[in-house]
Amino acid sequence: MEQSAYPAQKETANGAVASLVLGIISLIFTASVIISIVLGIIAIVLGNKARKQIREEPDRYEGDGMTIAGIVLGALGLAGGAIFLIVWLIIGLSAAAYWM
């Protein structure tokens, strides 16, 4: 059997790109609380699954940087959405108390 001059091409782990894209969108839509929180959670879950896949078969899969970036951006979007939610609740309750 003849060996190729080029190394075997690794494939990107399932969910790595999706985690990154959803993390970016989650961070962009921080002010719209529900979208940011939902997409942040999905980005974190997909990123963790992809990292597990990469750790189990490092010779076959790549994309660890994308998964880490997706997890971090998803966490930032999730935290930003939660902060906006808390601020909106405080402002809403303060306004409601003011008008009573």
Protein backbone atom coordinates (compact mmCIF):
# COMPACT_ATOMS: atom_id res chain seq x y z
CA MET A 1 0.00 0.00 0.00
CA GLU A 2 1.32 3.39 -0.99
CA GLN A 3 1.25 6.21 1.55
CA SER A 4 0.06 9.64 0.55
CA ALA A 5 2.46 12.58 0.68
CA TYR A 6 -0.24 14.59 2.41
CA PRO A 7 -1.44 13.92 5.96
CA ALA A 8 -5.00 12.73 6.42
CA GLN A 9 -7.45 15.61 6.51
CA LYS A 10 -9.17 16.02 9.87
CA GLU A 11 -12.83 16.94 9.93
CA THR A 12 -14.28 19.64 12.11
CA ALA A 13 -16.13 18.25 15.12
CA ASN A 14 -19.91 18.19 14.88
CA GLY A 15 -21.28 21.28 16.57
CA ALA A 16 -18.04 23.30 16.65
CA VAL A 17 -19.08 25.76 13.95
CA ALA A 18 -22.68 25.86 15.19
CA SER A 19 -21.47 26.60 18.72
CA LEU A 20 -19.33 29.48 17.46
CA VAL A 21 -22.10 30.96 15.29
CA LEU A 22 -24.74 30.67 18.01
CA GLY A 23 -22.34 32.19 20.55
CA ILE A 24 -21.76 35.18 18.29
CA ILE A 25 -25.50 35.64 17.67
CA SER A 26 -26.19 35.27 21.39
CA LEU A 27 -23.72 38.03 22.16
CA ILE A 28 -25.13 40.29 19.44
CA PHE A 29 -28.70 39.86 20.69
CA THR A 30 -27.85 40.44 24.37
CA ALA A 31 -30.50 43.15 24.71
CA SER A 32 -33.25 40.80 23.55
CA VAL A 33 -33.13 38.68 26.66
CA ILE A 34 -34.91 35.48 25.60
CA ILE A 35 -32.98 35.04 22.35
CA SER A 36 -29.67 35.68 24.08
CA ILE A 37 -30.33 33.24 26.92
CA VAL A 38 -31.66 30.44 24.70
CA LEU A 39 -28.91 30.73 22.09
CA GLY A 40 -26.25 31.03 24.80
CA ILE A 41 -27.38 27.78 26.40
CA ILE A 42 -27.48 25.99 23.05
CA ALA A 43 -23.99 27.30 22.15
CA ILE A 44 -22.57 26.06 25.46
CA VAL A 45 -24.15 22.61 25.09
CA LEU A 46 -23.03 22.17 21.47
CA GLY A 47 -19.54 23.41 22.33
CA ASN A 48 -19.17 20.95 25.18
CA LYS A 49 -20.37 18.06 23.01
CA ALA A 50 -17.91 19.02 20.27
CA ARG A 51 -15.02 19.31 22.77
CA LYS A 52 -15.85 15.86 24.12
CA GLN A 53 -15.82 14.50 20.57
CA ILE A 54 -12.44 16.11 19.90
CA ARG A 55 -10.94 14.78 23.14
CA GLU A 56 -12.18 11.24 22.41
CA GLU A 57 -10.81 11.13 18.85
CA PRO A 58 -8.08 13.77 18.43
CA ASP A 59 -6.69 12.08 15.31
CA ARG A 60 -10.03 12.39 13.53
CA TYR A 61 -11.51 15.71 14.69
CA GLU A 62 -10.30 19.29 14.99
CA GLY A 63 -11.92 22.61 15.88
CA ASP A 64 -11.07 22.92 19.56
CA GLY A 65 -10.50 26.67 19.20
CA MET A 66 -13.91 27.16 17.65
CA THR A 67 -15.58 25.18 20.42
CA ILE A 68 -13.85 27.16 23.15
CA ALA A 69 -14.77 30.44 21.46
CA GLY A 70 -18.39 29.25 21.07
CA ILE A 71 -18.58 28.26 24.74
CA VAL A 72 -17.10 31.57 25.91
CA LEU A 73 -19.28 33.69 23.63
CA GLY A 74 -22.36 31.66 24.59
CA ALA A 75 -21.56 32.18 28.28
CA LEU A 76 -21.08 35.91 27.73
CA GLY A 77 -24.37 36.14 25.83
CA LEU A 78 -26.12 34.13 28.54
CA ALA A 79 -24.68 36.34 31.30
CA GLY A 80 -25.50 39.51 29.37
CA GLY A 81 -29.07 38.37 28.80
CA ALA A 82 -29.44 37.50 32.49
CA ILE A 83 -28.08 40.92 33.52
CA PHE A 84 -30.47 42.68 31.14
CA LEU A 85 -33.34 40.61 32.55
CA ILE A 86 -32.45 41.55 36.12
CA VAL A 87 -32.07 45.25 35.22
CA TRP A 88 -35.41 45.26 33.36
CA LEU A 89 -37.12 43.59 36.33
CA ILE A 90 -35.66 46.12 38.77
CA ILE A 91 -36.68 49.05 36.57
CA GLY A 92 -40.14 47.57 36.00
CA LEU A 93 -40.74 46.90 39.68
CA SER A 94 -39.44 50.34 40.63
CA ALA A 95 -41.75 51.98 38.12
CA ALA A 96 -44.67 49.89 39.31
CA ALA A 97 -43.97 50.86 42.93
CA TYR A 98 -43.68 54.52 41.95
CA TRP A 99 -47.12 54.58 40.31
CA MET A 100 -48.89 52.79 43.14
